[in-house]
Amino acid sequence: MLFDQALTDTPPEVERMQIDLLRQAGQARRTQLMLSLSQSMFALSWHNLQKVFPHLSETEQKIKFVELLYGSELAHAFQQFLQQLENDA
């Protein structure tokens, strides 16, 4: 089943070919593609966060990144973890 054409600029015949190629690829190749896409998403998100919040320190940017991706509860726990690391050093 093809994705809703309103959400893509890919012609239907090209989308069919892409889906067929993904189906033919082995599990290892599909996993590799998924990991590559995830890595690219994180890198682009991090780069954008640095542009949007240039006034924050690197540590504050990391905490904000966790907050935006995973929520304030985990960001708070991450902040406490970083503070504990700093205190132990």
Protein backbone atom coordinates (compact mmCIF):
# COMPACT_ATOMS: atom_id res chain seq x y z
CA MET A 1 0.00 0.00 0.00
CA LEU A 2 1.41 3.38 -1.03
CA PHE A 3 1.70 6.33 1.29
CA ASP A 4 -0.81 9.16 0.97
CA GLN A 5 0.29 11.10 -2.11
CA ALA A 6 -0.56 14.41 -0.40
CA LEU A 7 2.39 13.80 1.95
CA THR A 8 5.05 13.17 -0.67
CA ASP A 9 6.43 14.66 -3.86
CA THR A 10 7.64 11.23 -5.02
CA PRO A 11 5.82 9.98 -8.13
CA PRO A 12 3.81 6.77 -7.44
CA GLU A 13 5.90 4.64 -9.82
CA VAL A 14 9.13 5.72 -8.13
CA GLU A 15 7.63 5.06 -4.70
CA ARG A 16 6.67 1.53 -5.83
CA MET A 17 10.24 0.93 -7.00
CA GLN A 18 11.64 2.20 -3.67
CA ILE A 19 9.33 -0.08 -1.70
CA ASP A 20 10.25 -3.06 -3.90
CA LEU A 21 13.96 -2.36 -3.39
CA LEU A 22 13.48 -2.14 0.38
CA ARG A 23 11.60 -5.43 0.36
CA GLN A 24 14.38 -7.07 -1.63
CA ALA A 25 17.08 -5.75 0.68
CA GLY A 26 17.98 -8.05 3.49
CA GLN A 27 17.27 -7.33 7.11
CA ALA A 28 20.86 -6.20 7.67
CA ARG A 29 20.66 -3.64 4.84
CA ARG A 30 17.30 -2.29 6.04
CA THR A 31 18.72 -1.98 9.55
CA GLN A 32 21.77 -0.17 8.18
CA LEU A 33 19.52 2.27 6.32
CA MET A 34 17.40 2.85 9.41
CA LEU A 35 20.46 3.52 11.57
CA SER A 36 21.88 5.90 8.97
CA LEU A 37 18.60 7.81 8.80
CA SER A 38 18.42 8.01 12.60
CA GLN A 39 22.01 9.24 12.82
CA SER A 40 21.31 11.91 10.20
CA MET A 41 18.16 13.00 12.05
CA PHE A 42 20.04 13.37 15.33
CA ALA A 43 22.88 15.30 13.67
CA LEU A 44 20.50 17.70 11.91
CA SER A 45 18.44 18.16 15.07
CA TRP A 46 21.56 18.89 17.14
CA HIS A 47 22.83 21.38 14.55
CA ASN A 48 19.47 23.16 14.49
CA LEU A 49 19.30 23.27 18.30
CA GLN A 50 22.73 24.94 18.38
CA LYS A 51 21.47 27.57 15.94
CA VAL A 52 18.25 28.19 17.87
CA PHE A 53 19.87 28.28 21.32
CA PRO A 54 23.37 29.72 20.76
CA HIS A 55 23.24 31.50 24.12
CA LEU A 56 23.16 28.19 26.04
CA SER A 57 26.33 26.44 27.13
CA GLU A 58 27.11 23.07 25.55
CA THR A 59 25.85 21.28 28.65
CA GLU A 60 22.65 23.33 28.65
CA GLN A 61 22.21 22.55 24.95
CA LYS A 62 22.56 18.83 25.69
CA ILE A 63 19.90 19.05 28.40
CA LYS A 64 17.60 21.03 26.07
CA PHE A 65 18.17 18.43 23.35
CA VAL A 66 17.09 15.63 25.67
CA GLU A 67 14.09 17.68 26.77
CA LEU A 68 12.92 18.33 23.22
CA LEU A 69 13.36 14.74 22.11
CA TYR A 70 12.36 12.78 25.22
CA GLY A 71 10.54 15.15 27.57
CA SER A 72 11.23 17.25 30.63
CA GLU A 73 11.26 14.36 33.10
CA LEU A 74 14.14 12.61 31.37
CA ALA A 75 15.91 15.93 30.79
CA HIS A 76 15.74 16.64 34.51
CA ALA A 77 17.17 13.19 35.31
CA PHE A 78 19.91 13.77 32.73
CA GLN A 79 20.73 17.14 34.30
CA GLN A 80 21.02 15.52 37.73
CA PHE A 81 23.25 12.80 36.24
CA LEU A 82 25.56 15.41 34.70
CA GLN A 83 25.71 17.32 37.98
CA GLN A 84 26.61 14.11 39.83
CA LEU A 85 29.40 13.43 37.34
CA GLU A 86 30.72 16.94 37.87
CA ASN A 87 30.55 16.56 41.66
CA ASP A 88 32.40 13.22 41.54
CA ALA A 89 35.20 14.63 39.39
